[in-house]
């Protein structure tokens, strides 16, 4: 079998080590290029130093929001929320704030359930994200009557032709790891018709709602809170 990651996964280096040990072919073909957005003129009308809660929707949201890191550091009482443990690791390198994330299901839906259970009446939020990222969290906070500012700090650009048929194995199953709908769309443009066995691996059901299923031999869901060892175990079991 062959595994191909289409994004910069936090666990990729661990996946590569395990695959090397088990003599499994693995490669990385990046579908999207990240471009920083100048946010100097887009800082929210609620000063970062005064917000009650800060939400980072991804590791890139942490990385590309450096213009406001100093202001966040001046607001140690703000609670920082993020979607998963890998983003939390990046946040902890920069700030001393309390950091909260879902323990099991790393998703916007699970984070909103967690926020709704919080007892403190904090009303001022800033949501830091990518330009084409979901606005699910912002929209649901507004429905709860919260004051919300959404700050886009990066955009993702498609890399045309990032993968082609020659990158896929002819005789083995190809496990394609896709973590966003945008990356899925680019993959579909690059690989429109093939007789090779392609198994799509996604972190949740939402990503496959509109997927062209005829392109794939199978689709499996591996939640993105799984370790590299879990990924390989699940894929090996599927591969038989």
Protein backbone atom coordinates (compact mmCIF):
# COMPACT_ATOMS: atom_id res chain seq x y z
CA UNK A 1 0.00 0.00 0.00
CA UNK A 2 0.94 3.63 -0.42
CA UNK A 3 -0.01 6.57 1.80
CA UNK A 4 -0.11 10.13 0.47
CA UNK A 5 -0.68 13.13 2.75
CA UNK A 6 -2.11 16.20 1.02
CA UNK A 7 -1.42 18.66 3.86
CA UNK A 8 1.21 19.44 6.50
CA UNK A 9 -0.08 17.02 9.11
CA UNK A 10 1.21 17.46 12.67
CA UNK A 11 1.83 13.73 12.86
CA UNK A 12 3.50 13.36 9.45
CA UNK A 13 7.02 12.89 10.80
CA UNK A 14 5.75 10.15 13.12
CA UNK A 15 3.84 8.54 10.27
CA UNK A 16 6.99 8.56 8.17
CA UNK A 17 9.05 6.89 10.91
CA UNK A 18 6.49 4.14 11.40
CA UNK A 19 6.14 3.59 7.65
CA UNK A 20 9.94 3.35 7.30
CA UNK A 21 10.03 0.69 10.03
CA UNK A 22 7.16 -1.26 8.48
CA UNK A 23 8.43 -0.74 4.91
CA UNK A 24 5.26 1.11 3.90
CA UNK A 25 5.47 3.63 1.08
CA UNK A 26 4.54 7.17 2.17
CA UNK A 27 4.74 10.50 0.41
CA UNK A 28 3.58 14.09 0.86
CA UNK A 29 1.90 16.00 -1.95
CA UNK A 30 0.71 19.37 -0.67
CA UNK A 31 -2.55 20.56 -2.22
CA UNK A 32 -2.68 24.09 -0.82
CA UNK A 33 -0.25 26.96 -0.35
CA UNK A 34 -0.67 29.14 2.73
CA UNK A 35 -0.39 32.89 2.24
CA UNK A 36 -0.35 35.36 5.12
CA UNK A 37 -2.89 38.20 5.08
CA UNK A 38 -1.87 41.67 6.23
CA UNK A 39 -4.20 42.32 9.16
CA UNK A 40 -2.96 45.76 10.25
CA UNK A 41 -6.13 47.41 8.93
CA UNK A 42 -8.42 44.58 9.99
CA UNK A 43 -7.86 44.48 13.74
CA UNK A 44 -11.20 44.00 15.49
CA UNK A 45 -13.05 46.96 16.97
CA UNK A 46 -12.84 45.27 20.36
CA UNK A 47 -9.19 45.56 21.44
CA UNK A 48 -7.51 42.16 21.82
CA UNK A 49 -6.35 43.27 25.27
CA UNK A 50 -9.99 43.49 26.39
CA UNK A 51 -11.66 40.41 24.90
CA UNK A 52 -12.78 37.65 27.24
CA UNK A 53 -12.12 34.76 24.86
CA UNK A 54 -9.80 34.10 21.93
CA UNK A 55 -10.46 31.23 19.52
CA UNK A 56 -7.79 29.86 17.19
CA UNK A 57 -9.33 27.62 14.52
CA UNK A 58 -6.01 26.08 13.42
CA UNK A 59 -2.26 25.99 13.93
CA UNK A 60 -1.94 28.38 10.98
CA UNK A 61 -4.23 30.82 12.78
CA UNK A 62 -1.67 30.89 15.59
CA UNK A 63 1.31 31.14 13.24
CA UNK A 64 0.00 33.92 11.00
CA UNK A 65 -1.50 36.16 13.69
CA UNK A 66 1.89 37.29 14.96
CA UNK A 67 0.95 41.00 14.69
CA UNK A 68 -1.39 40.59 17.65
CA UNK A 69 0.64 38.15 19.76
CA UNK A 70 1.97 40.96 21.93
CA UNK A 71 -1.57 42.17 22.63
CA UNK A 72 -2.72 38.65 23.47
CA UNK A 73 0.18 38.30 25.90
CA UNK A 74 -1.07 41.49 27.60
CA UNK A 75 -4.43 39.80 28.23
CA UNK A 76 -3.53 36.74 30.34
CA UNK A 77 -7.05 36.55 31.80
CA UNK A 78 -8.61 35.74 28.42
CA UNK A 79 -9.47 32.11 27.86
CA UNK A 80 -8.00 30.69 24.66
CA UNK A 81 -9.97 28.03 22.81
CA UNK A 82 -8.72 25.86 19.95
CA UNK A 83 -9.90 22.77 18.10
CA UNK A 84 -7.25 20.27 19.20
CA UNK A 85 -4.12 19.37 21.10
CA UNK A 86 -1.70 20.22 18.28
CA UNK A 87 -2.91 23.82 18.10
CA UNK A 88 -2.79 23.95 21.91
CA UNK A 89 0.90 23.00 21.80
CA UNK A 90 1.58 26.02 19.56
CA UNK A 91 -0.48 28.31 21.80
CA UNK A 92 1.36 27.15 24.92
CA UNK A 93 4.68 28.12 23.34
CA UNK A 94 3.53 31.74 23.14
CA UNK A 95 1.04 32.49 25.89
CA UNK A 96 0.35 31.73 29.56
CA UNK A 97 -3.42 31.88 29.18
CA UNK A 98 -5.76 29.06 30.10
CA UNK A 99 -6.23 26.92 26.96
CA UNK A 100 -9.29 24.74 26.34
CA UNK A 101 -9.99 22.30 23.49
CA UNK A 102 -12.25 19.28 22.92
CA UNK A 103 -10.70 16.13 24.35
CA UNK A 104 -11.93 13.65 21.74
CA UNK A 105 -13.61 15.06 18.66
CA UNK A 106 -11.49 17.91 17.28
CA UNK A 107 -14.20 19.88 15.48
CA UNK A 108 -15.98 23.22 15.47
CA UNK A 109 -19.19 21.48 16.50
CA UNK A 110 -17.58 19.89 19.55
CA UNK A 111 -15.88 23.15 20.53
CA UNK A 112 -19.23 24.97 20.46
CA UNK A 113 -20.77 22.33 22.74
CA UNK A 114 -17.86 22.85 25.10
CA UNK A 115 -18.26 26.65 25.07
CA UNK A 116 -22.00 26.35 25.75
CA UNK A 117 -21.21 24.32 28.89
CA UNK A 118 -18.93 27.03 30.28
CA UNK A 119 -20.63 28.75 33.23
CA UNK A 120 -18.89 32.12 33.11
CA UNK A 121 -20.83 34.87 31.36
CA UNK A 122 -18.09 36.07 29.03
CA UNK A 123 -19.50 37.87 26.01
CA UNK A 124 -16.56 39.23 24.00
CA UNK A 125 -14.90 36.87 21.52
CA UNK A 126 -12.37 37.11 18.72
CA UNK A 127 -12.21 34.18 16.29
CA UNK A 128 -8.90 33.88 14.43
CA UNK A 129 -8.99 31.78 11.27
CA UNK A 130 -8.20 31.39 7.58
CA UNK A 131 -10.07 33.41 4.95
CA UNK A 132 -11.80 30.37 3.46
CA UNK A 133 -12.24 28.59 6.78
CA UNK A 134 -15.60 27.77 8.30
CA UNK A 135 -17.55 30.50 10.09
CA UNK A 136 -19.57 27.95 12.07
CA UNK A 137 -18.14 29.06 15.42
CA UNK A 138 -18.64 32.79 14.80
CA UNK A 139 -22.19 32.28 13.56
CA UNK A 140 -23.17 30.15 16.54
CA UNK A 141 -21.61 32.55 19.06
CA UNK A 142 -23.62 35.40 17.50
CA UNK A 143 -26.79 33.30 17.85
CA UNK A 144 -25.96 33.01 21.55
CA UNK A 145 -25.89 36.80 21.78
CA UNK A 146 -22.11 37.13 22.06
CA UNK A 147 -20.02 40.02 20.72
CA UNK A 148 -17.88 38.41 18.03
CA UNK A 149 -15.10 39.67 15.81
CA UNK A 150 -13.79 37.31 13.13
CA UNK A 151 -10.19 37.91 12.07
CA UNK A 152 -8.85 36.20 8.93
CA UNK A 153 -5.05 36.01 9.09
CA UNK A 154 -4.22 33.72 6.15
CA UNK A 155 -5.64 32.33 2.93
CA UNK A 156 -5.14 29.01 1.20
CA UNK A 157 -4.35 28.91 -2.50
CA UNK A 158 -4.76 25.82 -4.63
CA UNK A 159 -1.63 24.25 -6.10
CA UNK A 160 -2.60 23.23 -9.62
CA UNK A 161 -1.34 19.80 -10.59
CA UNK A 162 0.01 19.02 -7.11
CA UNK A 163 -0.58 15.34 -7.83
CA UNK A 164 -1.13 13.20 -10.93
CA UNK A 165 -1.71 9.58 -11.87
CA UNK A 166 2.00 8.81 -11.97
CA UNK A 167 2.20 9.59 -8.22
CA UNK A 168 -0.21 6.74 -7.49
CA UNK A 169 0.74 3.10 -7.18
CA UNK A 170 -0.49 0.84 -9.99
CA UNK A 171 -0.66 -2.41 -8.02
CA UNK A 172 -1.39 -1.33 -4.46
CA UNK A 173 -4.05 0.56 -2.58
CA UNK A 174 -3.41 4.31 -2.46
CA UNK A 175 -4.53 5.89 0.83
CA UNK A 176 -5.02 9.63 0.29
CA UNK A 177 -5.14 11.68 3.50
CA UNK A 178 -7.30 14.79 3.00
CA UNK A 179 -8.14 17.21 5.83
CA UNK A 180 -10.18 19.97 4.16
CA UNK A 181 -12.87 20.40 1.52
CA UNK A 182 -10.64 22.79 -0.40
CA UNK A 183 -7.91 20.16 -0.66
CA UNK A 184 -10.54 17.63 -1.69
CA UNK A 185 -11.66 19.86 -4.56
CA UNK A 186 -8.09 20.29 -5.79
CA UNK A 187 -7.50 16.54 -5.65
CA UNK A 188 -10.65 15.94 -7.68
CA UNK A 189 -9.41 18.37 -10.32
CA UNK A 190 -6.03 16.65 -10.55
CA UNK A 191 -7.30 13.06 -10.54
CA UNK A 192 -10.53 13.02 -12.53
CA UNK A 193 -10.47 9.51 -13.93
CA UNK A 194 -8.28 6.60 -12.99
CA UNK A 195 -8.44 2.83 -12.73
CA UNK A 196 -6.08 2.80 -9.76
CA UNK A 197 -7.33 1.87 -6.31
CA UNK A 198 -7.77 5.05 -4.27
CA UNK A 199 -9.00 4.99 -0.67
CA UNK A 200 -9.90 8.40 0.70
CA UNK A 201 -9.00 9.01 4.35
CA UNK A 202 -10.77 11.95 6.02
CA UNK A 203 -11.14 13.13 9.65
CA UNK A 204 -14.93 13.48 9.69
CA UNK A 205 -18.19 12.83 7.86
CA UNK A 206 -18.62 16.49 6.87
CA UNK A 207 -15.75 16.33 4.37
CA UNK A 208 -17.41 13.64 2.27
CA UNK A 209 -20.90 15.13 2.02
CA UNK A 210 -20.38 16.24 -1.60
CA UNK A 211 -17.47 14.02 -2.59
CA UNK A 212 -17.37 12.28 -5.98
CA UNK A 213 -17.52 8.75 -4.63
CA UNK A 214 -17.01 7.07 -8.00
CA UNK A 215 -13.36 8.19 -7.92
CA UNK A 216 -12.64 6.18 -4.78
CA UNK A 217 -12.57 2.45 -4.12
CA UNK A 218 -13.51 3.19 -0.52
CA UNK A 219 -13.69 5.97 2.04
CA UNK A 220 -12.60 5.64 5.66
CA UNK A 221 -12.87 8.12 8.52
CA UNK A 222 -10.03 8.48 11.02
CA UNK A 223 -10.65 11.23 13.56
CA UNK A 224 -7.79 13.71 13.69
CA UNK A 225 -7.21 13.20 17.42
CA UNK A 226 -5.73 9.76 16.61
CA UNK A 227 -2.01 9.17 16.93
CA UNK A 228 0.25 8.19 14.05
CA UNK A 229 0.26 4.64 15.41
CA UNK A 230 -3.56 4.57 15.28
CA UNK A 231 -3.59 5.87 11.70
CA UNK A 232 -1.22 3.16 10.51
CA UNK A 233 -3.07 0.44 12.45
CA UNK A 234 -6.45 1.42 10.98
CA UNK A 235 -5.06 1.70 7.44
CA UNK A 236 -3.23 -1.63 7.70
CA UNK A 237 -6.37 -3.35 8.94
CA UNK A 238 -8.32 -1.88 6.03
CA UNK A 239 -5.63 -2.93 3.59
CA UNK A 240 -5.85 -6.47 4.90
